Amino acid sequence: MTAPKMRNIGPKSAAWLRQVGLRTREDLEAAGPVDAYMRVRRAGFRPSLNLLYALEGALLDCHWQEVPEARRQQLVEAAEAAIADLPPPRGRPAAGPVTTTVHQEDAPAPPDFPATDDDD
């Protein structure tokens, strides 16, 4: 996919799409904008939501800023749902709240100080 072939798709986006197997308009139509966006994310790239809007605009043959706000919101909600279903990154546990609990038997003993005249 190259910029002259599809509206809104610049060289970087076209390269990402090629690398995830989306080489033609027909490939993009078959995948849809959310699946195409998710393929790019799963490949390890870090696209912004502008790519999502650009893909929709490419399919509608309009500038990405002309995609109606209601449709943009639908796309974002669908992408967020798909992102939530992704497994955690390899080698790193899923993020969660961190708490520390110290049990009395695990607590370090206070240091021994030498006796002074004040201790009597």
PDB file of N, CA and C in Angstrom:
ATOM      1  N   MET A   1       0.851  -1.169   0.000  1.00  0.00           N
ATOM      2  CA  MET A   1       0.000   0.000   0.000  1.00  0.00           C
ATOM      3  C   MET A   1       0.894   1.228   0.000  1.00  0.00           C
ATOM      4  N   THR A   2       0.630   2.155  -0.858  1.00  0.00           N
ATOM      5  CA  THR A   2       1.420   3.373  -0.890  1.00  0.00           C
ATOM      6  C   THR A   2       0.501   4.570  -0.810  1.00  0.00           C
ATOM      7  N   ALA A   3       1.078   5.718  -0.471  1.00  0.00           N
ATOM      8  CA  ALA A   3       0.284   6.938  -0.289  1.00  0.00           C
ATOM      9  C   ALA A   3      -0.551   7.285  -1.517  1.00  0.00           C
ATOM     10  N   PRO A   4      -0.016   7.231  -2.746  1.00  0.00           N
ATOM     11  CA  PRO A   4      -0.851   7.608  -3.882  1.00  0.00           C
ATOM     12  C   PRO A   4      -2.036   6.661  -4.104  1.00  0.00           C
ATOM     13  N   LYS A   5      -1.931   5.417  -3.674  1.00  0.00           N
ATOM     14  CA  LYS A   5      -2.994   4.451  -3.907  1.00  0.00           C
ATOM     15  C   LYS A   5      -4.175   4.648  -2.966  1.00  0.00           C
ATOM     16  N   MET A   6      -3.903   5.017  -1.723  1.00  0.00           N
ATOM     17  CA  MET A   6      -4.987   5.161  -0.746  1.00  0.00           C
ATOM     18  C   MET A   6      -4.826   6.463   0.014  1.00  0.00           C
ATOM     19  N   ARG A   7      -5.910   7.157   0.125  1.00  0.00           N
ATOM     20  CA  ARG A   7      -5.945   8.422   0.843  1.00  0.00           C
ATOM     21  C   ARG A   7      -5.608   8.192   2.319  1.00  0.00           C
ATOM     22  N   ASN A   8      -4.900   9.121   2.915  1.00  0.00           N
ATOM     23  CA  ASN A   8      -4.536   9.115   4.337  1.00  0.00           C
ATOM     24  C   ASN A   8      -3.405   8.165   4.713  1.00  0.00           C
ATOM     25  N   ILE A   9      -2.963   7.328   3.802  1.00  0.00           N
ATOM     26  CA  ILE A   9      -1.954   6.323   4.134  1.00  0.00           C
ATOM     27  C   ILE A   9      -0.596   6.813   3.658  1.00  0.00           C
ATOM     28  N   GLY A  10       0.200   7.283   4.610  1.00  0.00           N
ATOM     29  CA  GLY A  10       1.538   7.771   4.299  1.00  0.00           C
ATOM     30  C   GLY A  10       2.539   6.642   4.264  1.00  0.00           C
ATOM     31  N   PRO A  11       3.794   6.966   4.011  1.00  0.00           N
ATOM     32  CA  PRO A  11       4.822   5.925   3.883  1.00  0.00           C
ATOM     33  C   PRO A  11       4.983   5.051   5.118  1.00  0.00           C
ATOM     34  N   LYS A  12       4.956   5.664   6.299  1.00  0.00           N
ATOM     35  CA  LYS A  12       5.141   4.874   7.532  1.00  0.00           C
ATOM     36  C   LYS A  12       3.959   3.943   7.750  1.00  0.00           C
ATOM     37  N   SER A  13       2.751   4.470   7.599  1.00  0.00           N
ATOM     38  CA  SER A  13       1.555   3.634   7.767  1.00  0.00           C
ATOM     39  C   SER A  13       1.530   2.529   6.724  1.00  0.00           C
ATOM     40  N   ALA A  14       1.882   2.862   5.493  1.00  0.00           N
ATOM     41  CA  ALA A  14       1.902   1.859   4.418  1.00  0.00           C
ATOM     42  C   ALA A  14       2.894   0.746   4.741  1.00  0.00           C
ATOM     43  N   ALA A  15       4.046   1.111   5.286  1.00  0.00           N
ATOM     44  CA  ALA A  15       5.049   0.104   5.649  1.00  0.00           C
ATOM     45  C   ALA A  15       4.522  -0.804   6.760  1.00  0.00           C
ATOM     46  N   TRP A  16       3.878  -0.207   7.762  1.00  0.00           N
ATOM     47  CA  TRP A  16       3.299  -1.011   8.839  1.00  0.00           C
ATOM     48  C   TRP A  16       2.270  -1.979   8.286  1.00  0.00           C
ATOM     49  N   LEU A  17       1.403  -1.481   7.427  1.00  0.00           N
ATOM     50  CA  LEU A  17       0.342  -2.326   6.869  1.00  0.00           C
ATOM     51  C   LEU A  17       0.929  -3.462   6.029  1.00  0.00           C
ATOM     52  N   ARG A  18       1.943  -3.149   5.231  1.00  0.00           N
ATOM     53  CA  ARG A  18       2.588  -4.212   4.433  1.00  0.00           C
ATOM     54  C   ARG A  18       3.171  -5.281   5.349  1.00  0.00           C
ATOM     55  N   GLN A  19       3.783  -4.839   6.439  1.00  0.00           N
ATOM     56  CA  GLN A  19       4.432  -5.792   7.343  1.00  0.00           C
ATOM     57  C   GLN A  19       3.446  -6.694   8.065  1.00  0.00           C
ATOM     58  N   VAL A  20       2.182  -6.286   8.144  1.00  0.00           N
ATOM     59  CA  VAL A  20       1.179  -7.142   8.786  1.00  0.00           C
ATOM     60  C   VAL A  20       0.294  -7.832   7.743  1.00  0.00           C
ATOM     61  N   GLY A  21       0.724  -7.792   6.482  1.00  0.00           N
ATOM     62  CA  GLY A  21       0.041  -8.545   5.433  1.00  0.00           C
ATOM     63  C   GLY A  21      -1.102  -7.823   4.742  1.00  0.00           C
ATOM     64  N   LEU A  22      -1.244  -6.538   4.973  1.00  0.00           N
ATOM     65  CA  LEU A  22      -2.306  -5.761   4.316  1.00  0.00           C
ATOM     66  C   LEU A  22      -1.656  -4.929   3.214  1.00  0.00           C
ATOM     67  N   ARG A  23      -1.729  -5.444   1.998  1.00  0.00           N
ATOM     68  CA  ARG A  23      -1.007  -4.823   0.895  1.00  0.00           C
ATOM     69  C   ARG A  23      -1.899  -4.093  -0.101  1.00  0.00           C
ATOM     70  N   THR A  24      -3.180  -4.372  -0.082  1.00  0.00           N
ATOM     71  CA  THR A  24      -4.081  -3.765  -1.065  1.00  0.00           C
ATOM     72  C   THR A  24      -5.311  -3.183  -0.374  1.00  0.00           C
ATOM     73  N   ARG A  25      -6.047  -2.397  -1.132  1.00  0.00           N
ATOM     74  CA  ARG A  25      -7.306  -1.868  -0.611  1.00  0.00           C
ATOM     75  C   ARG A  25      -8.247  -3.012  -0.249  1.00  0.00           C
ATOM     76  N   GLU A  26      -8.251  -4.050  -1.064  1.00  0.00           N
ATOM     77  CA  GLU A  26      -9.104  -5.208  -0.801  1.00  0.00           C
ATOM     78  C   GLU A  26      -8.732  -5.876   0.522  1.00  0.00           C
ATOM     79  N   ASP A  27      -7.425  -5.957   0.810  1.00  0.00           N
ATOM     80  CA  ASP A  27      -6.980  -6.518   2.091  1.00  0.00           C
ATOM     81  C   ASP A  27      -7.513  -5.681   3.249  1.00  0.00           C
ATOM     82  N   LEU A  28      -7.419  -4.351   3.093  1.00  0.00           N
ATOM     83  CA  LEU A  28      -7.894  -3.460   4.142  1.00  0.00           C
ATOM     84  C   LEU A  28      -9.405  -3.545   4.293  1.00  0.00           C
ATOM     85  N   GLU A  29     -10.117  -3.622   3.182  1.00  0.00           N
ATOM     86  CA  GLU A  29     -11.582  -3.758   3.249  1.00  0.00           C
ATOM     87  C   GLU A  29     -11.977  -5.044   3.962  1.00  0.00           C
ATOM     88  N   ALA A  30     -11.271  -6.128   3.663  1.00  0.00           N
ATOM     89  CA  ALA A  30     -11.583  -7.418   4.285  1.00  0.00           C
ATOM     90  C   ALA A  30     -11.313  -7.383   5.791  1.00  0.00           C
ATOM     91  N   ALA A  31     -10.245  -6.713   6.187  1.00  0.00           N
ATOM     92  CA  ALA A  31      -9.888  -6.656   7.607  1.00  0.00           C
ATOM     93  C   ALA A  31     -10.749  -5.648   8.360  1.00  0.00           C
ATOM     94  N   GLY A  32     -11.005  -4.524   7.739  1.00  0.00           N
ATOM     95  CA  GLY A  32     -11.700  -3.438   8.431  1.00  0.00           C
ATOM     96  C   GLY A  32     -10.704  -2.596   9.204  1.00  0.00           C
ATOM     97  N   PRO A  33     -11.078  -1.374   9.545  1.00  0.00           N
ATOM     98  CA  PRO A  33     -10.116  -0.470  10.180  1.00  0.00           C
ATOM     99  C   PRO A  33      -9.656  -0.926  11.567  1.00  0.00           C
ATOM    100  N   VAL A  34     -10.548  -1.489  12.363  1.00  0.00           N
ATOM    101  CA  VAL A  34     -10.158  -1.881  13.730  1.00  0.00           C
ATOM    102  C   VAL A  34      -9.213  -3.077  13.687  1.00  0.00           C
ATOM    103  N   ASP A  35      -9.523  -4.087  12.884  1.00  0.00           N
ATOM    104  CA  ASP A  35      -8.633  -5.251  12.801  1.00  0.00           C
ATOM    105  C   ASP A  35      -7.279  -4.854  12.225  1.00  0.00           C
ATOM    106  N   ALA A  36      -7.271  -3.988  11.231  1.00  0.00           N
ATOM    107  CA  ALA A  36      -6.001  -3.537  10.650  1.00  0.00           C
ATOM    108  C   ALA A  36      -5.175  -2.808  11.706  1.00  0.00           C
ATOM    109  N   TYR A  37      -5.817  -1.926  12.447  1.00  0.00           N
ATOM    110  CA  TYR A  37      -5.150  -1.186  13.527  1.00  0.00           C
ATOM    111  C   TYR A  37      -4.583  -2.161  14.564  1.00  0.00           C
ATOM    112  N   MET A  38      -5.379  -3.157  14.932  1.00  0.00           N
ATOM    113  CA  MET A  38      -4.937  -4.124  15.931  1.00  0.00           C
ATOM    114  C   MET A  38      -3.786  -4.980  15.416  1.00  0.00           C
ATOM    115  N   ARG A  39      -3.792  -5.320  14.151  1.00  0.00           N
ATOM    116  CA  ARG A  39      -2.670  -6.074  13.593  1.00  0.00           C
ATOM    117  C   ARG A  39      -1.377  -5.281  13.719  1.00  0.00           C
ATOM    118  N   VAL A  40      -1.461  -3.989  13.454  1.00  0.00           N
ATOM    119  CA  VAL A  40      -0.279  -3.131  13.566  1.00  0.00           C
ATOM    120  C   VAL A  40       0.193  -3.094  15.019  1.00  0.00           C
ATOM    121  N   ARG A  41      -0.735  -2.945  15.953  1.00  0.00           N
ATOM    122  CA  ARG A  41      -0.368  -2.943  17.387  1.00  0.00           C
ATOM    123  C   ARG A  41       0.251  -4.270  17.798  1.00  0.00           C
ATOM    124  N   ARG A  42      -0.383  -5.377  17.410  1.00  0.00           N
ATOM    125  CA  ARG A  42       0.129  -6.705  17.802  1.00  0.00           C
ATOM    126  C   ARG A  42       1.504  -6.972  17.207  1.00  0.00           C
ATOM    127  N   ALA A  43       1.821  -6.315  16.094  1.00  0.00           N
ATOM    128  CA  ALA A  43       3.135  -6.497  15.475  1.00  0.00           C
ATOM    129  C   ALA A  43       4.229  -5.755  16.243  1.00  0.00           C
ATOM    130  N   GLY A  44       3.821  -4.979  17.247  1.00  0.00           N
ATOM    131  CA  GLY A  44       4.810  -4.293  18.065  1.00  0.00           C
ATOM    132  C   GLY A  44       4.980  -2.823  17.749  1.00  0.00           C
ATOM    133  N   PHE A  45       4.260  -2.332  16.756  1.00  0.00           N
ATOM    134  CA  PHE A  45       4.320  -0.909  16.455  1.00  0.00           C
ATOM    135  C   PHE A  45       3.426  -0.170  17.435  1.00  0.00           C
ATOM    136  N   ARG A  46       3.594   1.132  17.529  1.00  0.00           N
ATOM    137  CA  ARG A  46       2.824   1.925  18.484  1.00  0.00           C
ATOM    138  C   ARG A  46       2.040   3.010  17.745  1.00  0.00           C
ATOM    139  N   PRO A  47       1.003   2.599  17.016  1.00  0.00           N
ATOM    140  CA  PRO A  47       0.238   3.594  16.262  1.00  0.00           C
ATOM    141  C   PRO A  47      -0.641   4.436  17.175  1.00  0.00           C
ATOM    142  N   SER A  48      -0.873   5.667  16.762  1.00  0.00           N
ATOM    143  CA  SER A  48      -1.819   6.510  17.500  1.00  0.00           C
ATOM    144  C   SER A  48      -3.217   6.238  16.955  1.00  0.00           C
ATOM    145  N   LEU A  49      -4.203   6.825  17.604  1.00  0.00           N
ATOM    146  CA  LEU A  49      -5.577   6.682  17.113  1.00  0.00           C
ATOM    147  C   LEU A  49      -5.752   7.323  15.749  1.00  0.00           C
ATOM    148  N   ASN A  50      -4.852   8.223  15.377  1.00  0.00           N
ATOM    149  CA  ASN A  50      -4.940   8.823  14.043  1.00  0.00           C
ATOM    150  C   ASN A  50      -4.852   7.757  12.953  1.00  0.00           C
ATOM    151  N   LEU A  51      -4.087   6.683  13.195  1.00  0.00           N
ATOM    152  CA  LEU A  51      -4.036   5.608  12.203  1.00  0.00           C
ATOM    153  C   LEU A  51      -5.406   4.971  12.062  1.00  0.00           C
ATOM    154  N   LEU A  52      -6.078   4.757  13.154  1.00  0.00           N
ATOM    155  CA  LEU A  52      -7.417   4.173  13.121  1.00  0.00           C
ATOM    156  C   LEU A  52      -8.353   5.041  12.290  1.00  0.00           C
ATOM    157  N   TYR A  53      -8.319   6.349  12.543  1.00  0.00           N
ATOM    158  CA  TYR A  53      -9.169   7.270  11.782  1.00  0.00           C
ATOM    159  C   TYR A  53      -8.736   7.323  10.308  1.00  0.00           C
ATOM    160  N   ALA A  54      -7.432   7.267  10.076  1.00  0.00           N
ATOM    161  CA  ALA A  54      -6.920   7.304   8.699  1.00  0.00           C
ATOM    162  C   ALA A  54      -7.368   6.079   7.913  1.00  0.00           C
ATOM    163  N   LEU A  55      -7.383   4.925   8.562  1.00  0.00           N
ATOM    164  CA  LEU A  55      -7.820   3.707   7.890  1.00  0.00           C
ATOM    165  C   LEU A  55      -9.300   3.799   7.519  1.00  0.00           C
ATOM    166  N   GLU A  56     -10.107   4.305   8.442  1.00  0.00           N
ATOM    167  CA  GLU A  56     -11.527   4.492   8.150  1.00  0.00           C
ATOM    168  C   GLU A  56     -11.702   5.500   7.012  1.00  0.00           C
ATOM    169  N   GLY A  57     -10.971   6.600   7.073  1.00  0.00           N
ATOM    170  CA  GLY A  57     -11.043   7.600   6.006  1.00  0.00           C
ATOM    171  C   GLY A  57     -10.593   7.036   4.665  1.00  0.00           C
ATOM    172  N   ALA A  58      -9.579   6.184   4.684  1.00  0.00           N
ATOM    173  CA  ALA A  58      -9.114   5.567   3.440  1.00  0.00           C
ATOM    174  C   ALA A  58     -10.218   4.716   2.821  1.00  0.00           C
ATOM    175  N   LEU A  59     -10.922   3.983   3.650  1.00  0.00           N
ATOM    176  CA  LEU A  59     -12.006   3.145   3.140  1.00  0.00           C
ATOM    177  C   LEU A  59     -13.200   3.978   2.661  1.00  0.00           C
ATOM    178  N   LEU A  60     -13.426   5.118   3.300  1.00  0.00           N
ATOM    179  CA  LEU A  60     -14.536   5.993   2.911  1.00  0.00           C
ATOM    180  C   LEU A  60     -14.126   6.990   1.826  1.00  0.00           C
ATOM    181  N   ASP A  61     -12.835   7.014   1.505  1.00  0.00           N
ATOM    182  CA  ASP A  61     -12.259   7.963   0.540  1.00  0.00           C
ATOM    183  C   ASP A  61     -12.519   9.402   0.973  1.00  0.00           C
ATOM    184  N   CYS A  62     -12.221   9.674   2.257  1.00  0.00           N
ATOM    185  CA  CYS A  62     -12.322  11.043   2.772  1.00  0.00           C
ATOM    186  C   CYS A  62     -11.117  11.297   3.678  1.00  0.00           C
ATOM    187  N   HIS A  63     -10.850  12.558   3.949  1.00  0.00           N
ATOM    188  CA  HIS A  63      -9.771  12.906   4.874  1.00  0.00           C
ATOM    189  C   HIS A  63     -10.128  12.358   6.252  1.00  0.00           C
ATOM    190  N   TRP A  64      -9.127  11.905   6.982  1.00  0.00           N
ATOM    191  CA  TRP A  64      -9.409  11.271   8.283  1.00  0.00           C
ATOM    192  C   TRP A  64     -10.104  12.213   9.251  1.00  0.00           C
ATOM    193  N   GLN A  65      -9.895  13.520   9.107  1.00  0.00           N
ATOM    194  CA  GLN A  65     -10.565  14.464   9.997  1.00  0.00           C
ATOM    195  C   GLN A  65     -12.045  14.630   9.654  1.00  0.00           C
ATOM    196  N   GLU A  66     -12.461  14.128   8.490  1.00  0.00           N
ATOM    197  CA  GLU A  66     -13.857  14.199   8.086  1.00  0.00           C
ATOM    198  C   GLU A  66     -14.677  12.999   8.562  1.00  0.00           C
ATOM    199  N   VAL A  67     -14.016  12.034   9.175  1.00  0.00           N
ATOM    200  CA  VAL A  67     -14.749  10.888   9.742  1.00  0.00           C
ATOM    201  C   VAL A  67     -15.624  11.439  10.863  1.00  0.00           C
ATOM    202  N   PRO A  68     -16.924  11.196  10.813  1.00  0.00           N
ATOM    203  CA  PRO A  68     -17.831  11.763  11.822  1.00  0.00           C
ATOM    204  C   PRO A  68     -17.428  11.370  13.247  1.00  0.00           C
ATOM    205  N   GLU A  69     -17.644  12.288  14.173  1.00  0.00           N
ATOM    206  CA  GLU A  69     -17.261  12.070  15.571  1.00  0.00           C
ATOM    207  C   GLU A  69     -17.913  10.811  16.149  1.00  0.00           C
ATOM    208  N   ALA A  70     -19.172  10.568  15.815  1.00  0.00           N
ATOM    209  CA  ALA A  70     -19.855   9.372  16.328  1.00  0.00           C
ATOM    210  C   ALA A  70     -19.145   8.107  15.830  1.00  0.00           C
ATOM    211  N   ARG A  71     -18.717   8.109  14.588  1.00  0.00           N
ATOM    212  CA  ARG A  71     -18.013   6.946  14.035  1.00  0.00           C
ATOM    213  C   ARG A  71     -16.642   6.810  14.676  1.00  0.00           C
ATOM    214  N   ARG A  72     -15.969   7.916  14.908  1.00  0.00           N
ATOM    215  CA  ARG A  72     -14.674   7.861  15.582  1.00  0.00           C
ATOM    216  C   ARG A  72     -14.831   7.216  16.959  1.00  0.00           C
ATOM    217  N   GLN A  73     -15.873   7.612  17.678  1.00  0.00           N
ATOM    218  CA  GLN A  73     -16.110   7.054  19.010  1.00  0.00           C
ATOM    219  C   GLN A  73     -16.355   5.549  18.928  1.00  0.00           C
ATOM    220  N   GLN A  74     -17.117   5.107  17.928  1.00  0.00           N
ATOM    221  CA  GLN A  74     -17.344   3.664  17.745  1.00  0.00           C
ATOM    222  C   GLN A  74     -16.023   2.943  17.492  1.00  0.00           C
ATOM    223  N   LEU A  75     -15.190   3.527  16.654  1.00  0.00           N
ATOM    224  CA  LEU A  75     -13.898   2.916  16.343  1.00  0.00           C
ATOM    225  C   LEU A  75     -13.029   2.816  17.592  1.00  0.00           C
ATOM    226  N   VAL A  76     -12.997   3.887  18.368  1.00  0.00           N
ATOM    227  CA  VAL A  76     -12.184   3.893  19.593  1.00  0.00           C
ATOM    228  C   VAL A  76     -12.693   2.846  20.572  1.00  0.00           C
ATOM    229  N   GLU A  77     -13.993   2.754  20.751  1.00  0.00           N
ATOM    230  CA  GLU A  77     -14.554   1.770  21.671  1.00  0.00           C
ATOM    231  C   GLU A  77     -14.234   0.350  21.221  1.00  0.00           C
ATOM    232  N   ALA A  78     -14.343   0.099  19.929  1.00  0.00           N
ATOM    233  CA  ALA A  78     -14.020  -1.233  19.406  1.00  0.00           C
ATOM    234  C   ALA A  78     -12.536  -1.537  19.584  1.00  0.00           C
ATOM    235  N   ALA A  79     -11.676  -0.552  19.345  1.00  0.00           N
ATOM    236  CA  ALA A  79     -10.237  -0.755  19.513  1.00  0.00           C
ATOM    237  C   ALA A  79      -9.894  -0.982  20.982  1.00  0.00           C
ATOM    238  N   GLU A  80     -10.500  -0.207  21.873  1.00  0.00           N
ATOM    239  CA  GLU A  80     -10.238  -0.386  23.310  1.00  0.00           C
ATOM    240  C   GLU A  80     -10.676  -1.764  23.785  1.00  0.00           C
ATOM    241  N   ALA A  81     -11.787  -2.246  23.287  1.00  0.00           N
ATOM    242  CA  ALA A  81     -12.245  -3.590  23.652  1.00  0.00           C
ATOM    243  C   ALA A  81     -11.256  -4.640  23.148  1.00  0.00           C
ATOM    244  N   ALA A  82     -10.759  -4.458  21.936  1.00  0.00           N
ATOM    245  CA  ALA A  82      -9.789  -5.402  21.376  1.00  0.00           C
ATOM    246  C   ALA A  82      -8.469  -5.339  22.132  1.00  0.00           C
ATOM    247  N   ILE A  83      -8.059  -4.143  22.535  1.00  0.00           N
ATOM    248  CA  ILE A  83      -6.821  -3.986  23.296  1.00  0.00           C
ATOM    249  C   ILE A  83      -6.946  -4.671  24.652  1.00  0.00           C
ATOM    250  N   ALA A  84      -8.098  -4.564  25.269  1.00  0.00           N
ATOM    251  CA  ALA A  84      -8.319  -5.199  26.579  1.00  0.00           C
ATOM    252  C   ALA A  84      -8.202  -6.715  26.482  1.00  0.00           C
ATOM    253  N   ASP A  85      -8.495  -7.278  25.315  1.00  0.00           N
ATOM    254  CA  ASP A  85      -8.418  -8.727  25.129  1.00  0.00           C
ATOM    255  C   ASP A  85      -7.010  -9.217  24.803  1.00  0.00           C
ATOM    256  N   LEU A  86      -6.077  -8.299  24.580  1.00  0.00           N
ATOM    257  CA  LEU A  86      -4.712  -8.703  24.250  1.00  0.00           C
ATOM    258  C   LEU A  86      -4.050  -9.342  25.463  1.00  0.00           C
ATOM    259  N   PRO A  87      -3.213 -10.357  25.240  1.00  0.00           N
ATOM    260  CA  PRO A  87      -2.458 -10.921  26.368  1.00  0.00           C
ATOM    261  C   PRO A  87      -1.404  -9.916  26.816  1.00  0.00           C
ATOM    262  N   PRO A  88      -0.916 -10.040  28.052  1.00  0.00           N
ATOM    263  CA  PRO A  88       0.122  -9.117  28.511  1.00  0.00           C
ATOM    264  C   PRO A  88       1.391  -9.298  27.675  1.00  0.00           C
ATOM    265  N   PRO A  89       2.215  -8.268  27.577  1.00  0.00           N
ATOM    266  CA  PRO A  89       3.454  -8.388  26.810  1.00  0.00           C
ATOM    267  C   PRO A  89       4.320  -9.508  27.362  1.00  0.00           C
ATOM    268  N   ARG A  90       5.032 -10.173  26.482  1.00  0.00           N
ATOM    269  CA  ARG A  90       5.901 -11.278  26.905  1.00  0.00           C
ATOM    270  C   ARG A  90       7.005 -10.769  27.809  1.00  0.00           C
ATOM    271  N   GLY A  91       7.302 -11.575  28.808  1.00  0.00           N
ATOM    272  CA  GLY A  91       8.398 -11.245  29.702  1.00  0.00           C
ATOM    273  C   GLY A  91       8.025 -10.258  30.794  1.00  0.00           C
ATOM    274  N   ARG A  92       6.819  -9.728  30.725  1.00  0.00           N
ATOM    275  CA  ARG A  92       6.389  -8.792  31.759  1.00  0.00           C
ATOM    276  C   ARG A  92       5.026  -9.219  32.268  1.00  0.00           C
ATOM    277  N   PRO A  93       4.849  -9.239  33.568  1.00  0.00           N
ATOM    278  CA  PRO A  93       3.523  -9.586  34.087  1.00  0.00           C
ATOM    279  C   PRO A  93       2.537  -8.464  33.796  1.00  0.00           C
ATOM    280  N   ALA A  94       1.285  -8.811  33.814  1.00  0.00           N
ATOM    281  CA  ALA A  94       0.254  -7.795  33.622  1.00  0.00           C
ATOM    282  C   ALA A  94       0.335  -6.789  34.755  1.00  0.00           C
ATOM    283  N   ALA A  95       0.139  -5.539  34.418  1.00  0.00           N
ATOM    284  CA  ALA A  95       0.215  -4.484  35.425  1.00  0.00           C
ATOM    285  C   ALA A  95      -0.964  -4.596  36.373  1.00  0.00           C
ATOM    286  N   GLY A  96      -0.737  -4.295  37.603  1.00  0.00           N
ATOM    287  CA  GLY A  96      -1.796  -4.314  38.599  1.00  0.00           C
ATOM    288  C   GLY A  96      -1.368  -3.482  39.788  1.00  0.00           C
ATOM    289  N   PRO A  97      -2.251  -3.306  40.722  1.00  0.00           N
ATOM    290  CA  PRO A  97      -1.875  -2.514  41.886  1.00  0.00           C
ATOM    291  C   PRO A  97      -0.804  -3.234  42.699  1.00  0.00           C
ATOM    292  N   VAL A  98       0.085  -2.464  43.275  1.00  0.00           N
ATOM    293  CA  VAL A  98       1.160  -3.020  44.076  1.00  0.00           C
ATOM    294  C   VAL A  98       0.912  -2.644  45.529  1.00  0.00           C
ATOM    295  N   THR A  99       0.907  -3.656  46.382  1.00  0.00           N
ATOM    296  CA  THR A  99       0.759  -3.410  47.813  1.00  0.00           C
ATOM    297  C   THR A  99       1.855  -4.167  48.537  1.00  0.00           C
ATOM    298  N   THR A 100       2.246  -3.652  49.665  1.00  0.00           N
ATOM    299  CA  THR A 100       3.263  -4.305  50.486  1.00  0.00           C
ATOM    300  C   THR A 100       2.665  -4.564  51.853  1.00  0.00           C
ATOM    301  N   THR A 101       2.762  -5.812  52.281  1.00  0.00           N
ATOM    302  CA  THR A 101       2.263  -6.180  53.598  1.00  0.00           C
ATOM    303  C   THR A 101       3.429  -6.739  54.387  1.00  0.00           C
ATOM    304  N   VAL A 102       3.642  -6.206  55.564  1.00  0.00           N
ATOM    305  CA  VAL A 102       4.707  -6.702  56.432  1.00  0.00           C
ATOM    306  C   VAL A 102       4.049  -7.369  57.626  1.00  0.00           C
ATOM    307  N   HIS A 103       4.312  -8.658  57.792  1.00  0.00           N
ATOM    308  CA  HIS A 103       3.800  -9.403  58.932  1.00  0.00           C
ATOM    309  C   HIS A 103       4.788  -9.266  60.075  1.00  0.00           C
ATOM    310  N   GLN A 104       4.294  -9.270  61.287  1.00  0.00           N
ATOM    311  CA  GLN A 104       5.127  -9.040  62.465  1.00  0.00           C
ATOM    312  C   GLN A 104       6.314  -9.997  62.495  1.00  0.00           C
ATOM    313  N   GLU A 105       6.103 -11.284  62.207  1.00  0.00           N
ATOM    314  CA  GLU A 105       7.204 -12.241  62.258  1.00  0.00           C
ATOM    315  C   GLU A 105       8.220 -12.005  61.146  1.00  0.00           C
ATOM    316  N   ASP A 106       7.811 -11.307  60.068  1.00  0.00           N
ATOM    317  CA  ASP A 106       8.720 -11.014  58.968  1.00  0.00           C
ATOM    318  C   ASP A 106       9.419  -9.671  59.144  1.00  0.00           C
ATOM    319  N   ALA A 107       8.956  -8.880  60.096  1.00  0.00           N
ATOM    320  CA  ALA A 107       9.527  -7.550  60.280  1.00  0.00           C
ATOM    321  C   ALA A 107      10.940  -7.669  60.820  1.00  0.00           C
ATOM    322  N   PRO A 108      11.834  -6.829  60.355  1.00  0.00           N
ATOM    323  CA  PRO A 108      13.208  -6.900  60.868  1.00  0.00           C
ATOM    324  C   PRO A 108      13.248  -6.494  62.332  1.00  0.00           C
ATOM    325  N   ALA A 109      14.109  -7.162  63.061  1.00  0.00           N
ATOM    326  CA  ALA A 109      14.259  -6.859  64.498  1.00  0.00           C
ATOM    327  C   ALA A 109      14.931  -5.506  64.635  1.00  0.00           C
ATOM    328  N   PRO A 110      14.583  -4.752  65.668  1.00  0.00           N
ATOM    329  CA  PRO A 110      15.252  -3.469  65.866  1.00  0.00           C
ATOM    330  C   PRO A 110      16.722  -3.711  66.186  1.00  0.00           C
ATOM    331  N   PRO A 111      17.558  -2.800  65.780  1.00  0.00           N
ATOM    332  CA  PRO A 111      18.995  -3.002  66.033  1.00  0.00           C
ATOM    333  C   PRO A 111      19.290  -2.933  67.534  1.00  0.00           C
ATOM    334  N   ASP A 112      20.326  -3.675  67.961  1.00  0.00           N
ATOM    335  CA  ASP A 112      20.756  -3.641  69.361  1.00  0.00           C
ATOM    336  C   ASP A 112      21.684  -2.446  69.524  1.00  0.00           C
ATOM    337  N   PHE A 113      21.350  -1.618  70.486  1.00  0.00           N
ATOM    338  CA  PHE A 113      22.202  -0.466  70.766  1.00  0.00           C
ATOM    339  C   PHE A 113      22.916  -0.717  72.077  1.00  0.00           C
ATOM    340  N   PRO A 114      24.104  -0.235  72.224  1.00  0.00           N
ATOM    341  CA  PRO A 114      24.824  -0.417  73.498  1.00  0.00           C
ATOM    342  C   PRO A 114      24.086   0.321  74.614  1.00  0.00           C
ATOM    343  N   ALA A 115      24.123  -0.226  75.769  1.00  0.00           N
ATOM    344  CA  ALA A 115      23.451   0.380  76.924  1.00  0.00           C
ATOM    345  C   ALA A 115      24.135   1.704  77.273  1.00  0.00           C
ATOM    346  N   THR A 116      23.341   2.655  77.659  1.00  0.00           N
ATOM    347  CA  THR A 116      23.883   3.942  78.091  1.00  0.00           C
ATOM    348  C   THR A 116      23.361   4.234  79.490  1.00  0.00           C
ATOM    349  N   ASP A 117      23.822   5.273  80.096  1.00  0.00           N
ATOM    350  CA  ASP A 117      23.369   5.635  81.430  1.00  0.00           C
ATOM    351  C   ASP A 117      21.884   5.959  81.439  1.00  0.00           C
ATOM    352  N   ASP A 118      21.329   6.403  80.315  1.00  0.00           N
ATOM    353  CA  ASP A 118      19.931   6.767  80.235  1.00  0.00           C
ATOM    354  C   ASP A 118      19.020   5.537  80.258  1.00  0.00           C
ATOM    355  N   ASP A 119      19.566   4.360  79.968  1.00  0.00           N
ATOM    356  CA  ASP A 119      18.732   3.165  79.877  1.00  0.00           C
ATOM    357  C   ASP A 119      18.367   2.597  81.240  1.00  0.00           C
ATOM    358  N   ASP A 120      18.986   3.014  82.320  1.00  0.00           N
ATOM    359  CA  ASP A 120      18.738   2.435  83.654  1.00  0.00           C
ATOM    360  C   ASP A 120      17.477   2.892  84.210  1.00  0.00           C
TER     361      ASP A 120
END
